[in-house]
Structure formats: C-alpha cells, structure tokens
Amino acid sequence: MTQNNEQNEPISFSCVRVSPRARRLAQNEALSLMAPMLAGTGPGGRIIERDVMAALTKRPALTAAAKAVGFTLACGQAAGSGIGGRVTLEDLTKMPVKGIDNAISGRTPESLAGYAHHTLNASAPVTKLQEICSAIKASEDLSEKLGLAKISMNDIILFIVSRLLLRYPLVFEQADPGIAVDTPQGFMTPVIHNAGQLSPMQISAEAKRLSSACREGSIKPEELSGSAFSVVDLGNQGITGFAPVLNRYEAVVLGVYGIEMKPIAPPPADEYKSNVRFEPHIGFNLTINNQLVDSAAAARFLKALCNAVADIDLFLAAR
C-alpha cells in the first residue's frame, strides 16, 4: 500500500520521473537524481523511495556539513575520515576537481527542470559609488581608524541588498542573503545571518570570513543554510553578462555584472547644445522562481536596487 501511494503524482526532472517521497529522500541525503547508480524500478522506470535507498547503500554516508554543501558522491567513492566512514566537509575539499564538477553538474538539471525561472535585467550608474570607494582608498589612515579600509564595492552592494530585503517582506521572507564563493571544489553559498542588522563594515568582515572558511574547508553546516536569496558577483572577473541559475531551495539569485560605459542622452533642453556622453554603469540580473516570487514585486526590488546604487550617497545618509 505504501509503495502504491508514493508512486502517485510523479515529479519530472527532464526525462527522469520521480515520486515525491523519493525526491525528498534524495534531497535530504544530497543524492543527485541524475546519479548513474540510481535506477528507477517503478512503473515506466519511475524512481521511487526504495530506489533511492538502494543507491545510498552504494556510497558512503555524509556528515551533516557535507550534506549542507549539497555535493553528491559517485558510486564506489572511498569511505571518508568521519565516524563510521562518513564523508566529511574536509574530505570533500580533498576530492579531485573533476569529481566535484561532476557532482555539481548533477544538481543543475534538477534546478532547471524543477523551477519556473524568470529573469529580469537592469543597470545603474555607478559614478557616485566609484567616488565613495576611491575616497575610502585615498584616505588610508582615516579609513583604517573607521574600519572602512577593506570595504569593497561588492560589500556596499551586499549592504544595499540586506536593507532592501527588509523593505520587501512580501517578496522575501528573511533578510539573510547568501554569497556565492568560488572554491577549488566549485561554488559554495554561505549565508550572512542577521545581515539586516549589520553595518557595512560588519557585512564586509563577515563576507570575507565566510569566504575564507569555504576555501579552507572549515565552514559550519548552519553557515550554509537559511537563505532563499543569493548574490553571485562575477563583475570582478570582467564578466558583463551572465544568467545565474537557481539552486534547489532558492527563490531568488542576483547576478552582479562588471562595469561598462553606457551612452547617456542629453536633457531635452540641451538636445542641440550637448553631445551624448558616456557614464559607467553596473549591470544586474535578477533570476527568480516564478512559483514563489511575483515578477512585478521582483521588478520593484530590482528598480529600488538600481536607484540605491545610483544615489548611494543619499542611501547611506538615510541609514
């Protein structure tokens, strides 16, 4: 009877058909539904709970920290260094990069097929923000005393995001953004908890601490969970356009582009007196799960973000 109930209302991931109970178990155990050792024995090749349980016996167990990262292990993976041969977060940091890439790629089809993605793009003039960052670097002694010396443009954007999330409670349930961190094992997304109560200096320090912990393998499970909103900044790599992909459990991901010069038309009154000028702009891509987040509300959030960046001096003064 139990088996028949769990086979109702299958969930599809591309060509893979999965029962709800099988999907939940696979997610809880960080097992990719695209894993080669996972074969469906239900009607029409559907993956059911017992198939997931069978696949889990073909790989070592993971610690809570390793599961929180969301990596998956292939069949035949050697036992870990944890209690009872469990694979720990430290073990994952020692895995070959190729193996981690395969694990991460297994999560992408689940995300793409499981969510209704909707993407919004916008850009904002960044002249004032650049001036503030330049002033911080120019006044080294004063900046050091005030704790501003190590604040980057991305830190200020994170601060803006943390405050705007508080103003849009109907869109986002909490104000704790995750930040994508590039590690030798792939991207991890630690969470800046209580970000809405932190100053720009505190957000900057916490973002750097979490990034270092991810790269060193000392990140804690609770630091990798608790956010449905993440920020992916590839602007420092010179990337001026990309579409970030939602991971499972996420509702929104904000992509931050590099800075580009864009033409600005002269005011109507000066139409025949002034030439078109160019100003630096920073681009944003807001990708949402349209099943959880209203597109119009997300558009208002993105507009507020662009306005805050454009008039960053007024935004900071009001805080």
Protein backbone atom coordinates (compact mmCIF):
# COMPACT_ATOMS: atom_id res chain seq x y z
CA MET A 1 0.00 0.00 0.00
CA THR A 2 2.82 2.40 0.91
CA GLN A 3 4.56 1.72 -2.37
CA ASN A 4 1.43 2.50 -4.39
CA ASN A 5 0.83 5.78 -2.54
CA GLU A 6 4.35 7.04 -3.10
CA GLN A 7 4.10 6.39 -6.82
CA ASN A 8 1.25 8.87 -7.22
CA GLU A 9 1.84 12.40 -8.54
CA PRO A 10 5.27 11.87 -10.04
CA ILE A 11 7.65 14.80 -10.42
CA SER A 12 9.64 15.07 -13.63
CA PHE A 13 13.24 16.20 -13.97
CA SER A 14 13.90 16.31 -17.71
CA CYS A 15 13.45 12.66 -18.75
CA VAL A 16 13.57 11.38 -15.14
CA ARG A 17 10.28 10.58 -13.37
CA VAL A 18 10.46 10.67 -9.57
CA SER A 19 7.92 10.12 -6.79
CA PRO A 20 7.60 12.89 -4.15
CA ARG A 21 8.94 10.67 -1.34
CA ALA A 22 11.92 9.61 -3.43
CA ARG A 23 12.68 13.22 -4.25
CA ARG A 24 12.57 14.31 -0.60
CA LEU A 25 14.85 11.46 0.48
CA ALA A 26 17.35 12.21 -2.30
CA GLN A 27 17.42 15.90 -1.37
CA ASN A 28 17.90 15.17 2.33
CA GLU A 29 20.78 12.81 1.57
CA ALA A 30 22.39 15.04 -1.10
CA LEU A 31 21.93 12.37 -3.75
CA SER A 32 21.57 13.62 -7.32
CA LEU A 33 18.54 12.28 -9.15
CA MET A 34 20.81 12.13 -12.20
CA ALA A 35 23.30 9.82 -10.43
CA PRO A 36 24.23 6.82 -12.61
CA MET A 37 23.68 4.32 -9.77
CA LEU A 38 20.09 5.50 -9.32
CA ALA A 39 17.86 3.27 -11.44
CA GLY A 40 14.08 3.50 -11.36
CA THR A 41 12.13 0.31 -10.71
CA GLY A 42 8.67 1.86 -10.56
CA PRO A 43 6.12 1.87 -13.38
CA GLY A 44 7.63 3.22 -16.57
CA GLY A 45 11.10 3.42 -14.96
CA ARG A 46 9.92 5.88 -12.32
CA ILE A 47 12.32 6.40 -9.39
CA ILE A 48 10.66 5.52 -6.10
CA GLU A 49 11.84 5.64 -2.49
CA ARG A 50 13.32 2.14 -2.41
CA ASP A 51 15.48 3.01 -5.45
CA VAL A 52 16.99 5.95 -3.60
CA MET A 53 17.60 3.79 -0.53
CA ALA A 54 19.35 1.20 -2.69
CA ALA A 55 21.56 3.86 -4.29
CA LEU A 56 22.55 5.21 -0.87
CA THR A 57 23.97 1.79 0.07
CA LYS A 58 26.43 2.07 -2.82
CA ARG A 59 28.19 5.12 -1.44
CA PRO A 60 29.46 6.17 2.00
CA ALA A 61 27.28 8.27 4.28
CA LEU A 62 27.85 12.03 4.52
CA THR A 63 28.12 14.17 7.62
CA ALA A 64 25.60 16.96 8.14
CA ALA A 65 28.15 19.55 6.97
CA ALA A 66 28.87 17.65 3.76
CA LYS A 67 25.14 17.29 3.05
CA ALA A 68 24.59 21.00 3.63
CA VAL A 69 27.08 21.84 0.90
CA GLY A 70 24.90 19.83 -1.46
CA PHE A 71 27.62 17.80 -3.21
CA THR A 72 26.86 14.31 -4.44
CA LEU A 73 29.19 11.32 -4.49
CA ALA A 74 29.57 8.74 -7.18
CA CYS A 75 29.10 5.02 -6.70
CA GLY A 76 32.27 3.42 -5.42
CA GLN A 77 33.55 6.58 -3.70
CA ALA A 78 36.03 5.68 -0.96
CA ALA A 79 34.93 5.91 2.66
CA GLY A 80 35.50 9.21 4.42
CA SER A 81 37.51 10.06 7.52
CA GLY A 82 34.47 10.65 9.72
CA ILE A 83 32.85 8.32 12.25
CA GLY A 84 31.77 5.10 10.59
CA GLY A 85 33.48 6.09 7.35
CA ARG A 86 31.29 9.13 6.81
CA VAL A 87 32.48 11.66 4.27
CA THR A 88 33.19 14.99 5.97
CA LEU A 89 33.42 18.51 4.59
CA GLU A 90 37.20 18.22 4.86
CA ASP A 91 37.09 15.07 2.74
CA LEU A 92 35.17 16.96 0.07
CA THR A 93 37.90 19.60 -0.11
CA LYS A 94 40.38 16.83 -0.99
CA MET A 95 38.28 15.39 -3.81
CA PRO A 96 39.62 15.87 -7.35
CA VAL A 97 38.19 18.93 -9.04
CA LYS A 98 36.80 16.76 -11.84
CA GLY A 99 34.80 14.74 -9.35
CA ILE A 100 33.34 17.85 -7.76
CA ASP A 101 32.47 19.28 -11.17
CA ASN A 102 30.53 16.12 -11.97
CA ALA A 103 28.74 16.37 -8.65
CA ILE A 104 27.76 19.99 -9.21
CA SER A 105 26.62 19.33 -12.77
CA GLY A 106 24.22 16.73 -11.43
CA ARG A 107 22.39 19.42 -9.47
CA THR A 108 21.88 21.78 -12.40
CA PRO A 109 19.31 19.73 -14.37
CA GLU A 110 17.28 19.33 -11.16
CA SER A 111 17.21 23.10 -10.69
CA LEU A 112 16.46 23.95 -14.31
CA ALA A 113 13.63 21.41 -14.59
CA GLY A 114 12.20 21.81 -11.11
CA TYR A 115 11.67 25.60 -11.10
CA ALA A 116 9.87 28.12 -13.31
CA HIS A 117 12.71 30.56 -13.92
CA HIS A 118 12.05 34.20 -14.77
CA THR A 119 14.84 36.69 -15.42
CA LEU A 120 14.96 40.48 -15.11
CA ASN A 121 17.85 42.71 -16.20
CA ALA A 122 18.72 46.30 -15.32
CA SER A 123 21.70 48.60 -14.88
CA ALA A 124 22.55 51.59 -12.72
CA PRO A 125 25.03 54.47 -12.99
CA VAL A 126 27.89 53.78 -10.66
CA THR A 127 29.80 57.09 -10.68
CA LYS A 128 28.91 58.01 -7.08
CA LEU A 129 29.69 54.52 -5.83
CA GLN A 130 33.10 54.63 -7.52
CA GLU A 131 33.78 58.02 -5.94
CA ILE A 132 32.99 56.66 -2.48
CA CYS A 133 35.28 53.66 -2.99
CA SER A 134 38.05 55.91 -4.30
CA ALA A 135 37.68 58.23 -1.29
CA ILE A 136 37.99 55.27 1.07
CA LYS A 137 41.20 54.14 -0.61
CA ALA A 138 42.62 57.70 -0.73
CA SER A 139 42.17 58.32 3.00
CA GLU A 140 44.02 55.24 4.25
CA ASP A 141 44.64 56.46 7.80
CA LEU A 142 41.10 57.66 8.40
CA SER A 143 39.62 54.60 6.68
CA GLU A 144 41.71 52.32 8.88
CA LYS A 145 40.51 54.06 12.03
CA LEU A 146 36.87 53.83 10.94
CA GLY A 147 37.20 50.21 9.82
CA LEU A 148 36.47 51.09 6.20
CA ALA A 149 39.83 50.22 4.66
CA LYS A 150 38.83 46.77 3.44
CA ILE A 151 35.33 47.59 2.21
CA SER A 152 34.82 46.82 -1.48
CA MET A 153 32.15 47.84 -3.96
CA ASN A 154 30.64 44.36 -3.65
CA ASP A 155 30.41 44.80 0.15
CA ILE A 156 28.41 48.00 -0.32
CA ILE A 157 26.09 46.24 -2.77
CA LEU A 158 25.57 43.46 -0.20
CA PHE A 159 24.70 46.13 2.36
CA ILE A 160 22.15 47.68 0.00
CA VAL A 161 20.63 44.25 -0.68
CA SER A 162 20.36 43.47 3.04
CA ARG A 163 18.44 46.69 3.65
CA LEU A 164 16.15 46.35 0.65
CA LEU A 165 15.22 42.81 1.69
CA LEU A 166 13.84 44.29 4.91
CA ARG A 167 11.61 46.63 2.90
CA TYR A 168 10.17 43.84 0.76
CA PRO A 169 8.90 41.25 3.28
CA LEU A 170 6.14 40.08 0.96
CA VAL A 171 8.73 39.08 -1.62
CA PHE A 172 11.45 37.64 0.57
CA GLU A 173 10.72 36.05 3.93
CA GLN A 174 14.03 36.93 5.53
CA ALA A 175 16.91 39.36 5.14
CA ASP A 176 19.84 36.96 5.12
CA PRO A 177 21.50 36.89 1.68
CA GLY A 178 23.81 34.09 0.65
CA ILE A 179 27.02 34.85 -1.24
CA ALA A 180 28.48 32.64 -3.95
CA VAL A 181 32.10 31.73 -3.14
CA ASP A 182 34.40 30.21 -5.73
CA THR A 183 36.42 27.34 -4.21
CA PRO A 184 38.60 24.61 -5.74
CA GLN A 185 35.59 22.31 -5.29
CA GLY A 186 33.10 24.62 -7.02
CA PHE A 187 30.72 27.29 -5.79
CA MET A 188 29.52 27.28 -2.19
CA THR A 189 26.88 29.68 -0.86
CA PRO A 190 27.38 30.64 2.79
CA VAL A 191 24.79 32.90 4.41
CA ILE A 192 25.34 36.26 6.12
CA HIS A 193 22.94 35.76 9.02
CA ASN A 194 21.23 38.82 10.55
CA ALA A 195 22.57 40.91 7.65
CA GLY A 196 19.79 43.46 8.08
CA GLN A 197 21.26 44.42 11.47
CA LEU A 198 24.89 44.66 10.37
CA SER A 199 26.81 47.77 9.33
CA PRO A 200 28.70 47.92 6.02
CA MET A 201 31.94 47.18 7.91
CA GLN A 202 30.40 44.17 9.66
CA ILE A 203 28.96 42.78 6.43
CA SER A 204 32.35 43.18 4.76
CA ALA A 205 34.13 41.36 7.58
CA GLU A 206 31.56 38.56 7.70
CA ALA A 207 31.63 38.05 3.93
CA LYS A 208 35.42 37.72 3.99
CA ARG A 209 35.31 35.33 6.98
CA LEU A 210 32.74 33.08 5.32
CA SER A 211 34.65 33.08 2.03
CA SER A 212 37.86 32.04 3.77
CA ALA A 213 36.06 29.32 5.72
CA CYS A 214 34.64 27.87 2.49
CA ARG A 215 38.04 27.76 0.81
CA GLU A 216 39.73 26.30 3.90
CA GLY A 217 37.02 23.69 4.48
CA SER A 218 36.14 24.95 7.97
CA ILE A 219 32.65 26.23 7.11
CA LYS A 220 29.89 25.09 9.50
CA PRO A 221 26.60 23.50 8.36
CA GLU A 222 24.50 26.29 9.85
CA GLU A 223 26.52 28.83 7.86
CA LEU A 224 25.44 27.19 4.60
CA SER A 225 21.70 27.25 5.18
CA GLY A 226 18.92 29.69 5.97
CA SER A 227 18.70 31.84 2.84
CA ALA A 228 16.47 31.81 -0.22
CA PHE A 229 18.27 34.80 -1.79
CA SER A 230 21.86 34.63 -3.02
CA VAL A 231 24.27 37.02 -4.74
CA VAL A 232 26.70 35.93 -7.46
CA ASP A 233 29.30 38.57 -8.33
CA LEU A 234 31.33 37.86 -11.47
CA GLY A 235 31.96 41.52 -12.21
CA ASN A 236 35.44 41.33 -10.69
CA GLN A 237 36.24 38.73 -13.37
CA GLY A 238 35.34 41.18 -16.12
CA ILE A 239 32.06 39.43 -16.92
CA THR A 240 29.48 41.86 -18.29
CA GLY A 241 26.59 39.45 -18.76
CA PHE A 242 25.52 36.04 -17.45
CA ALA A 243 22.39 34.28 -16.24
CA PRO A 244 22.81 32.83 -12.72
CA VAL A 245 20.95 29.56 -12.08
CA LEU A 246 18.80 28.96 -9.04
CA ASN A 247 19.91 26.09 -6.85
CA ARG A 248 17.37 23.94 -5.08
CA TYR A 249 15.58 25.66 -2.17
CA GLU A 250 16.39 29.12 -3.62
CA ALA A 251 13.75 31.66 -4.59
CA VAL A 252 15.98 34.44 -5.97
CA VAL A 253 19.56 34.85 -7.19
CA LEU A 254 21.10 38.22 -8.04
CA GLY A 255 23.88 38.31 -10.62
CA VAL A 256 26.26 41.29 -10.48
CA TYR A 257 27.99 42.24 -13.73
CA GLY A 258 31.16 44.14 -14.40
CA ILE A 259 31.14 47.90 -15.06
CA GLU A 260 30.59 49.16 -18.62
CA MET A 261 30.43 52.59 -20.18
CA LYS A 262 26.95 53.42 -21.50
CA PRO A 263 25.77 56.38 -23.59
CA ILE A 264 23.57 58.93 -21.81
CA ALA A 265 21.37 61.19 -23.91
CA PRO A 266 21.42 64.92 -23.07
CA PRO A 267 18.36 66.51 -21.42
CA PRO A 268 15.67 67.68 -23.88
CA ALA A 269 16.50 71.35 -23.21
CA ASP A 270 20.13 70.78 -24.21
CA GLU A 271 19.33 68.47 -27.11
CA TYR A 272 21.02 70.70 -29.68
CA LYS A 273 23.81 72.01 -27.45
CA SER A 274 25.31 68.92 -25.87
CA ASN A 275 26.72 65.73 -27.25
CA VAL A 276 25.90 62.28 -25.93
CA ARG A 277 28.15 61.48 -23.00
CA PHE A 278 29.22 58.13 -21.55
CA GLU A 279 28.90 57.08 -17.91
CA PRO A 280 29.96 53.90 -16.10
CA HIS A 281 27.09 51.53 -15.30
CA ILE A 282 26.91 48.30 -13.33
CA GLY A 283 24.52 45.60 -14.55
CA PHE A 284 22.28 43.27 -12.55
CA ASN A 285 20.42 40.07 -13.39
CA LEU A 286 17.64 39.00 -11.05
CA THR A 287 16.55 35.40 -11.60
CA ILE A 288 13.51 34.27 -9.65
CA ASN A 289 11.47 31.15 -9.06
CA ASN A 290 8.22 32.43 -10.52
CA GLN A 291 6.27 29.87 -8.50
CA LEU A 292 7.38 31.57 -5.27
CA VAL A 293 8.12 35.18 -6.17
CA ASP A 294 5.83 37.60 -8.00
CA SER A 295 7.52 39.06 -11.08
CA ALA A 296 6.13 42.56 -10.53
CA ALA A 297 7.36 42.63 -6.93
CA ALA A 298 10.78 41.41 -8.05
CA ALA A 299 10.87 44.17 -10.66
CA ARG A 300 10.19 46.75 -7.96
CA PHE A 301 13.02 45.30 -5.88
CA LEU A 302 15.43 45.50 -8.82
CA LYS A 303 14.40 49.08 -9.55
CA ALA A 304 14.97 50.01 -5.89
CA LEU A 305 18.41 48.40 -6.04
CA CYS A 306 19.38 50.40 -9.12
CA ASN A 307 18.11 53.63 -7.55
CA ALA A 308 20.07 52.94 -4.36
CA VAL A 309 23.28 52.30 -6.31
CA ALA A 310 22.79 55.41 -8.45
CA ASP A 311 22.25 57.62 -5.37
CA ILE A 312 24.40 55.69 -2.92
CA ASP A 313 25.34 58.85 -1.02
CA LEU A 314 21.68 59.54 -0.19
CA PHE A 315 21.02 55.89 0.58
CA LEU A 316 23.88 55.70 3.10
CA ALA A 317 23.00 59.06 4.63
CA ALA A 318 19.48 57.84 5.34
CA ARG A 319 20.79 54.85 7.26
